[in-house]
Amino acid sequence: MNKLLFLDFDGVLHPTHFAGEDPFNRVHLLEETLEGSNIGIVISSSWRFTHSLEKLQKLLPNSISSLVIGATGSPVIGKHPRYQEIMNFLQSHGSSNWKALDDSYWEFPTPCPELIRCNPNTGISEKQIQELDQWMIT
């Protein structure tokens, strides 16, 4: 498994302000795209601080859950924290081909070609799916 996808939840799988209603209402877009792929998914969402990896996997459809290989570790305080958490994960797992689906662009350096930026008001859309597809076939 040489490609890793770092997956945020809020602002990606559902709008950031979904107020508890219809969580993961955008996950079907990701599910269709990843079907049959061998990409490893790493959960980078802050949900990892309040839910076990097992619980997070149960929240996701089986087709995505089966691709989950872990979650990023301890929180990083400072500049570009999500990016640093991803770098720490990559360092300990020896991979360098990665993308992050995230709406928190300020948690990444600019530019960050690995970031597939989602709109926090809508979550993942066709634009991000096209970027993901492009990366998957290269």
N, C-alpha and C. Protein backbone atom coordinates (compact mmCIF):
# COMPACT_ATOMS: atom_id res chain seq x y z
N MET A 1 0.85 -1.17 0.00
CA MET A 1 0.00 0.00 0.00
C MET A 1 0.90 1.23 0.00
N ASN A 2 1.02 1.84 -1.16
CA ASN A 2 1.97 2.95 -1.22
C ASN A 2 1.31 4.33 -1.18
N LYS A 3 -0.01 4.41 -1.34
CA LYS A 3 -0.70 5.70 -1.29
C LYS A 3 -1.53 5.78 -0.02
N LEU A 4 -1.40 6.91 0.67
CA LEU A 4 -2.16 7.12 1.90
C LEU A 4 -3.04 8.36 1.76
N LEU A 5 -4.27 8.23 2.21
CA LEU A 5 -5.22 9.34 2.22
C LEU A 5 -5.53 9.69 3.66
N PHE A 6 -5.19 10.92 4.05
CA PHE A 6 -5.48 11.40 5.40
C PHE A 6 -6.85 12.05 5.38
N LEU A 7 -7.75 11.51 6.16
CA LEU A 7 -9.16 11.88 6.08
C LEU A 7 -9.63 12.64 7.31
N ASP A 8 -10.09 13.86 7.07
CA ASP A 8 -10.78 14.66 8.09
C ASP A 8 -12.27 14.34 7.97
N PHE A 9 -13.04 14.59 9.02
CA PHE A 9 -14.48 14.33 8.97
C PHE A 9 -15.28 15.62 8.80
N ASP A 10 -15.18 16.52 9.78
CA ASP A 10 -15.95 17.77 9.75
C ASP A 10 -15.47 18.65 8.60
N GLY A 11 -16.40 19.08 7.78
CA GLY A 11 -16.04 19.91 6.63
C GLY A 11 -15.62 19.09 5.42
N VAL A 12 -15.60 17.77 5.57
CA VAL A 12 -15.26 16.88 4.46
C VAL A 12 -16.40 15.88 4.23
N LEU A 13 -16.67 15.04 5.22
CA LEU A 13 -17.74 14.04 5.07
C LEU A 13 -19.12 14.61 5.35
N HIS A 14 -19.15 15.80 5.89
CA HIS A 14 -20.38 16.57 6.12
C HIS A 14 -19.97 18.02 6.34
N PRO A 15 -20.90 18.96 6.17
CA PRO A 15 -20.54 20.36 6.45
C PRO A 15 -20.07 20.51 7.90
N THR A 16 -19.20 21.48 8.14
CA THR A 16 -18.67 21.70 9.49
C THR A 16 -19.79 21.92 10.51
N HIS A 17 -20.77 22.70 10.14
CA HIS A 17 -21.86 23.03 11.07
C HIS A 17 -23.10 22.20 10.77
N PHE A 18 -22.96 20.88 10.86
CA PHE A 18 -24.10 20.02 10.56
C PHE A 18 -25.02 19.85 11.77
N ALA A 19 -24.62 20.39 12.91
CA ALA A 19 -25.44 20.42 14.13
C ALA A 19 -25.97 19.03 14.51
N GLY A 20 -25.16 18.01 14.25
CA GLY A 20 -25.55 16.66 14.66
C GLY A 20 -26.55 15.99 13.75
N GLU A 21 -27.06 16.71 12.77
CA GLU A 21 -28.03 16.12 11.85
C GLU A 21 -27.32 15.55 10.63
N ASP A 22 -27.69 14.35 10.27
CA ASP A 22 -27.19 13.74 9.05
C ASP A 22 -25.66 13.76 8.93
N PRO A 23 -24.96 13.25 9.95
CA PRO A 23 -23.50 13.19 9.81
C PRO A 23 -23.11 12.27 8.66
N PHE A 24 -22.01 12.54 8.05
CA PHE A 24 -21.46 11.73 6.95
C PHE A 24 -22.36 11.74 5.72
N ASN A 25 -23.10 12.84 5.51
CA ASN A 25 -24.01 12.90 4.37
C ASN A 25 -23.29 13.07 3.02
N ARG A 26 -21.97 13.22 3.03
CA ARG A 26 -21.20 13.32 1.78
C ARG A 26 -20.31 12.09 1.56
N VAL A 27 -20.36 11.15 2.47
CA VAL A 27 -19.44 10.01 2.41
C VAL A 27 -19.66 9.15 1.16
N HIS A 28 -20.88 9.15 0.62
CA HIS A 28 -21.16 8.34 -0.58
C HIS A 28 -20.27 8.74 -1.76
N LEU A 29 -19.92 10.03 -1.85
CA LEU A 29 -19.03 10.48 -2.94
C LEU A 29 -17.65 9.82 -2.82
N LEU A 30 -17.17 9.77 -1.61
CA LEU A 30 -15.87 9.16 -1.36
C LEU A 30 -15.93 7.65 -1.57
N GLU A 31 -17.03 7.07 -1.14
CA GLU A 31 -17.22 5.63 -1.26
C GLU A 31 -17.15 5.18 -2.72
N GLU A 32 -17.83 5.89 -3.60
CA GLU A 32 -17.83 5.55 -5.02
C GLU A 32 -16.43 5.67 -5.61
N THR A 33 -15.70 6.68 -5.21
CA THR A 33 -14.36 6.93 -5.75
C THR A 33 -13.36 5.88 -5.30
N LEU A 34 -13.45 5.49 -4.05
CA LEU A 34 -12.45 4.57 -3.49
C LEU A 34 -12.77 3.10 -3.73
N GLU A 35 -13.93 2.83 -4.29
CA GLU A 35 -14.35 1.44 -4.52
C GLU A 35 -13.30 0.68 -5.31
N GLY A 36 -12.86 -0.43 -4.76
CA GLY A 36 -11.88 -1.27 -5.43
C GLY A 36 -10.44 -0.77 -5.38
N SER A 37 -10.19 0.31 -4.65
CA SER A 37 -8.82 0.84 -4.60
C SER A 37 -8.03 0.13 -3.49
N ASN A 38 -6.73 0.33 -3.51
CA ASN A 38 -5.90 -0.25 -2.45
C ASN A 38 -5.21 0.87 -1.66
N ILE A 39 -5.87 2.02 -1.61
CA ILE A 39 -5.34 3.16 -0.86
C ILE A 39 -5.55 2.92 0.63
N GLY A 40 -4.56 3.27 1.42
CA GLY A 40 -4.72 3.20 2.87
C GLY A 40 -5.28 4.52 3.38
N ILE A 41 -6.28 4.44 4.23
CA ILE A 41 -6.87 5.65 4.81
C ILE A 41 -6.39 5.80 6.24
N VAL A 42 -5.95 7.01 6.55
CA VAL A 42 -5.53 7.35 7.91
C VAL A 42 -6.44 8.46 8.38
N ILE A 43 -7.09 8.26 9.50
CA ILE A 43 -8.00 9.26 10.03
C ILE A 43 -7.20 10.36 10.71
N SER A 44 -7.36 11.58 10.18
CA SER A 44 -6.66 12.73 10.74
C SER A 44 -7.63 13.67 11.45
N SER A 45 -8.88 13.30 11.48
CA SER A 45 -9.93 14.12 12.10
C SER A 45 -9.72 14.25 13.61
N SER A 46 -10.15 15.37 14.17
CA SER A 46 -10.09 15.54 15.63
C SER A 46 -11.03 14.56 16.34
N TRP A 47 -11.91 13.91 15.61
CA TRP A 47 -12.77 12.88 16.22
C TRP A 47 -11.91 11.77 16.85
N ARG A 48 -10.68 11.64 16.40
CA ARG A 48 -9.80 10.58 16.95
C ARG A 48 -9.49 10.81 18.42
N PHE A 49 -9.69 12.05 18.91
CA PHE A 49 -9.42 12.34 20.32
C PHE A 49 -10.56 11.90 21.23
N THR A 50 -11.75 11.72 20.68
CA THR A 50 -12.92 11.37 21.50
C THR A 50 -13.50 9.99 21.17
N HIS A 51 -13.01 9.37 20.10
CA HIS A 51 -13.52 8.05 19.71
C HIS A 51 -12.33 7.11 19.44
N SER A 52 -12.51 5.85 19.77
CA SER A 52 -11.47 4.86 19.47
C SER A 52 -11.43 4.64 17.95
N LEU A 53 -10.34 4.09 17.47
CA LEU A 53 -10.23 3.78 16.04
C LEU A 53 -11.35 2.83 15.62
N GLU A 54 -11.61 1.86 16.46
CA GLU A 54 -12.68 0.89 16.18
C GLU A 54 -14.04 1.59 16.02
N LYS A 55 -14.34 2.52 16.91
CA LYS A 55 -15.60 3.26 16.85
C LYS A 55 -15.66 4.12 15.58
N LEU A 56 -14.55 4.77 15.24
CA LEU A 56 -14.50 5.59 14.03
C LEU A 56 -14.76 4.73 12.79
N GLN A 57 -14.17 3.55 12.76
CA GLN A 57 -14.36 2.66 11.62
C GLN A 57 -15.83 2.24 11.51
N LYS A 58 -16.49 2.04 12.64
CA LYS A 58 -17.90 1.64 12.61
C LYS A 58 -18.81 2.76 12.10
N LEU A 59 -18.35 4.00 12.22
CA LEU A 59 -19.13 5.13 11.73
C LEU A 59 -19.09 5.24 10.20
N LEU A 60 -18.08 4.65 9.62
CA LEU A 60 -17.87 4.73 8.17
C LEU A 60 -18.49 3.53 7.46
N PRO A 61 -18.86 3.68 6.18
CA PRO A 61 -19.34 2.52 5.41
C PRO A 61 -18.24 1.46 5.35
N ASN A 62 -18.64 0.20 5.26
CA ASN A 62 -17.66 -0.90 5.24
C ASN A 62 -16.60 -0.75 4.17
N SER A 63 -17.00 -0.26 3.00
CA SER A 63 -16.04 -0.15 1.88
C SER A 63 -14.91 0.84 2.22
N ILE A 64 -15.21 1.84 3.03
CA ILE A 64 -14.17 2.80 3.44
C ILE A 64 -13.49 2.30 4.71
N SER A 65 -14.26 1.80 5.63
CA SER A 65 -13.73 1.29 6.89
C SER A 65 -12.65 0.23 6.67
N SER A 66 -12.86 -0.61 5.67
CA SER A 66 -11.90 -1.69 5.40
C SER A 66 -10.55 -1.16 4.89
N LEU A 67 -10.53 0.10 4.44
CA LEU A 67 -9.28 0.70 3.95
C LEU A 67 -8.52 1.44 5.06
N VAL A 68 -9.18 1.65 6.20
CA VAL A 68 -8.56 2.41 7.29
C VAL A 68 -7.42 1.60 7.91
N ILE A 69 -6.24 2.20 7.95
CA ILE A 69 -5.08 1.50 8.52
C ILE A 69 -4.62 2.12 9.84
N GLY A 70 -5.25 3.26 10.22
CA GLY A 70 -4.85 3.88 11.47
C GLY A 70 -5.35 5.31 11.57
N ALA A 71 -4.81 6.00 12.54
CA ALA A 71 -5.13 7.42 12.76
C ALA A 71 -3.83 8.13 13.10
N THR A 72 -3.80 9.43 12.82
CA THR A 72 -2.63 10.20 13.21
C THR A 72 -2.57 10.22 14.73
N GLY A 73 -1.41 10.50 15.26
CA GLY A 73 -1.19 10.38 16.70
C GLY A 73 -1.52 11.60 17.51
N SER A 74 -0.69 11.86 18.47
CA SER A 74 -0.89 12.96 19.42
C SER A 74 -1.03 14.29 18.71
N PRO A 75 -1.81 15.20 19.29
CA PRO A 75 -1.96 16.52 18.68
C PRO A 75 -0.65 17.29 18.72
N VAL A 76 -0.45 18.09 17.70
CA VAL A 76 0.72 18.96 17.63
C VAL A 76 0.25 20.39 17.88
N ILE A 77 0.95 21.08 18.75
CA ILE A 77 0.64 22.48 19.02
C ILE A 77 1.65 23.32 18.26
N GLY A 78 1.20 24.34 17.58
CA GLY A 78 2.11 25.21 16.86
C GLY A 78 1.66 25.43 15.44
N LYS A 79 2.60 25.78 14.59
CA LYS A 79 2.31 26.11 13.21
C LYS A 79 1.98 24.86 12.39
N HIS A 80 0.93 24.94 11.61
CA HIS A 80 0.50 23.85 10.71
C HIS A 80 0.34 22.51 11.44
N PRO A 81 -0.47 22.46 12.48
CA PRO A 81 -0.55 21.25 13.30
C PRO A 81 -1.00 19.99 12.55
N ARG A 82 -2.02 20.08 11.71
CA ARG A 82 -2.48 18.87 11.00
C ARG A 82 -1.38 18.34 10.10
N TYR A 83 -0.70 19.22 9.41
CA TYR A 83 0.40 18.83 8.53
C TYR A 83 1.50 18.14 9.34
N GLN A 84 1.84 18.70 10.50
CA GLN A 84 2.89 18.12 11.34
C GLN A 84 2.47 16.73 11.85
N GLU A 85 1.18 16.58 12.20
CA GLU A 85 0.68 15.27 12.64
C GLU A 85 0.82 14.25 11.52
N ILE A 86 0.52 14.68 10.30
CA ILE A 86 0.65 13.79 9.13
C ILE A 86 2.13 13.44 8.91
N MET A 87 3.00 14.44 9.00
CA MET A 87 4.44 14.19 8.81
C MET A 87 4.95 13.18 9.85
N ASN A 88 4.49 13.31 11.09
CA ASN A 88 4.89 12.36 12.14
C ASN A 88 4.43 10.95 11.79
N PHE A 89 3.21 10.83 11.29
CA PHE A 89 2.69 9.52 10.90
C PHE A 89 3.52 8.94 9.75
N LEU A 90 3.77 9.75 8.74
CA LEU A 90 4.53 9.29 7.57
C LEU A 90 5.93 8.85 7.95
N GLN A 91 6.54 9.59 8.86
CA GLN A 91 7.90 9.26 9.30
C GLN A 91 7.94 7.87 9.93
N SER A 92 6.94 7.56 10.74
CA SER A 92 6.95 6.27 11.42
C SER A 92 6.43 5.13 10.54
N HIS A 93 5.83 5.46 9.37
CA HIS A 93 5.29 4.42 8.50
C HIS A 93 5.97 4.35 7.14
N GLY A 94 6.94 5.21 6.93
CA GLY A 94 7.77 5.13 5.73
C GLY A 94 7.06 5.31 4.40
N SER A 95 6.08 6.15 4.35
CA SER A 95 5.40 6.41 3.08
C SER A 95 5.57 7.88 2.71
N SER A 96 5.54 8.17 1.39
CA SER A 96 5.69 9.56 0.98
C SER A 96 4.67 9.97 -0.07
N ASN A 97 3.86 9.04 -0.53
CA ASN A 97 2.84 9.35 -1.54
C ASN A 97 1.50 9.49 -0.81
N TRP A 98 1.10 10.74 -0.57
CA TRP A 98 -0.09 10.96 0.25
C TRP A 98 -0.87 12.18 -0.22
N LYS A 99 -2.14 12.19 0.19
CA LYS A 99 -3.02 13.35 0.02
C LYS A 99 -3.81 13.49 1.31
N ALA A 100 -4.26 14.71 1.56
CA ALA A 100 -5.12 14.96 2.73
C ALA A 100 -6.41 15.60 2.23
N LEU A 101 -7.53 15.01 2.61
CA LEU A 101 -8.84 15.60 2.35
C LEU A 101 -9.20 16.38 3.61
N ASP A 102 -9.19 17.70 3.51
CA ASP A 102 -9.35 18.51 4.71
C ASP A 102 -9.91 19.88 4.34
N ASP A 103 -10.66 20.48 5.26
CA ASP A 103 -11.15 21.84 5.04
C ASP A 103 -10.31 22.86 5.81
N SER A 104 -9.49 22.40 6.74
CA SER A 104 -8.70 23.30 7.61
C SER A 104 -7.37 23.66 6.94
N TYR A 105 -7.45 24.42 5.86
CA TYR A 105 -6.27 24.74 5.06
C TYR A 105 -5.19 25.46 5.87
N TRP A 106 -5.59 26.20 6.91
CA TRP A 106 -4.61 26.94 7.73
C TRP A 106 -3.75 25.99 8.57
N GLU A 107 -4.12 24.73 8.64
CA GLU A 107 -3.33 23.75 9.38
C GLU A 107 -2.24 23.12 8.50
N PHE A 108 -2.11 23.65 7.28
CA PHE A 108 -1.12 23.16 6.32
C PHE A 108 -0.30 24.35 5.82
N PRO A 109 0.96 24.11 5.41
CA PRO A 109 1.74 25.20 4.82
C PRO A 109 1.15 25.58 3.46
N THR A 110 1.49 26.78 2.99
CA THR A 110 1.04 27.22 1.67
C THR A 110 2.27 27.45 0.82
N PRO A 111 2.38 26.82 -0.34
CA PRO A 111 1.43 25.84 -0.88
C PRO A 111 1.67 24.46 -0.26
N CYS A 112 0.65 23.64 -0.35
CA CYS A 112 0.76 22.24 0.07
C CYS A 112 0.07 21.41 -1.02
N PRO A 113 0.85 20.93 -1.99
CA PRO A 113 0.25 20.21 -3.13
C PRO A 113 -0.49 18.93 -2.70
N GLU A 114 -0.20 18.43 -1.52
CA GLU A 114 -0.86 17.20 -1.06
C GLU A 114 -2.26 17.47 -0.49
N LEU A 115 -2.57 18.72 -0.21
CA LEU A 115 -3.87 19.06 0.37
C LEU A 115 -4.94 19.16 -0.71
N ILE A 116 -5.99 18.38 -0.54
CA ILE A 116 -7.19 18.51 -1.36
C ILE A 116 -8.19 19.23 -0.46
N ARG A 117 -8.33 20.52 -0.72
CA ARG A 117 -9.09 21.39 0.17
C ARG A 117 -10.59 21.33 -0.10
N CYS A 118 -11.34 21.05 0.96
CA CYS A 118 -12.80 20.99 0.88
C CYS A 118 -13.40 22.28 1.41
N ASN A 119 -14.60 22.59 0.96
CA ASN A 119 -15.34 23.74 1.45
C ASN A 119 -16.04 23.34 2.74
N PRO A 120 -15.75 24.00 3.86
CA PRO A 120 -16.35 23.59 5.14
C PRO A 120 -17.87 23.73 5.18
N ASN A 121 -18.43 24.54 4.29
CA ASN A 121 -19.88 24.73 4.28
C ASN A 121 -20.62 23.61 3.56
N THR A 122 -19.91 22.87 2.72
CA THR A 122 -20.57 21.81 1.96
C THR A 122 -19.96 20.44 2.21
N GLY A 123 -18.67 20.39 2.51
CA GLY A 123 -17.97 19.12 2.57
C GLY A 123 -17.46 18.76 1.18
N ILE A 124 -17.04 17.54 1.01
CA ILE A 124 -16.44 17.08 -0.25
C ILE A 124 -17.44 17.25 -1.39
N SER A 125 -16.91 17.64 -2.56
CA SER A 125 -17.76 17.81 -3.73
C SER A 125 -17.05 17.22 -4.94
N GLU A 126 -17.67 17.37 -6.09
CA GLU A 126 -17.14 16.81 -7.33
C GLU A 126 -15.72 17.31 -7.63
N LYS A 127 -15.43 18.55 -7.30
CA LYS A 127 -14.09 19.13 -7.55
C LYS A 127 -13.02 18.33 -6.81
N GLN A 128 -13.24 18.02 -5.55
CA GLN A 128 -12.26 17.27 -4.76
C GLN A 128 -12.20 15.81 -5.23
N ILE A 129 -13.34 15.27 -5.63
CA ILE A 129 -13.36 13.90 -6.14
C ILE A 129 -12.51 13.80 -7.40
N GLN A 130 -12.58 14.80 -8.27
CA GLN A 130 -11.76 14.80 -9.48
C GLN A 130 -10.28 14.85 -9.14
N GLU A 131 -9.91 15.67 -8.17
CA GLU A 131 -8.51 15.74 -7.73
C GLU A 131 -8.04 14.39 -7.19
N LEU A 132 -8.90 13.77 -6.40
CA LEU A 132 -8.59 12.46 -5.81
C LEU A 132 -8.43 11.40 -6.90
N ASP A 133 -9.36 11.40 -7.85
CA ASP A 133 -9.30 10.46 -8.99
C ASP A 133 -7.99 10.61 -9.74
N GLN A 134 -7.61 11.85 -10.01
CA GLN A 134 -6.38 12.16 -10.75
C GLN A 134 -5.16 11.56 -10.04
N TRP A 135 -5.11 11.74 -8.73
CA TRP A 135 -3.99 11.22 -7.93
C TRP A 135 -3.98 9.68 -7.92
N MET A 136 -5.17 9.10 -7.84
CA MET A 136 -5.26 7.64 -7.74
C MET A 136 -4.75 6.94 -9.00
N ILE A 137 -4.91 7.58 -10.15
CA ILE A 137 -4.50 6.92 -11.40
C ILE A 137 -3.04 7.17 -11.77
N THR A 138 -2.37 8.03 -11.00
CA THR A 138 -0.96 8.31 -11.32
C THR A 138 -0.04 7.40 -10.54
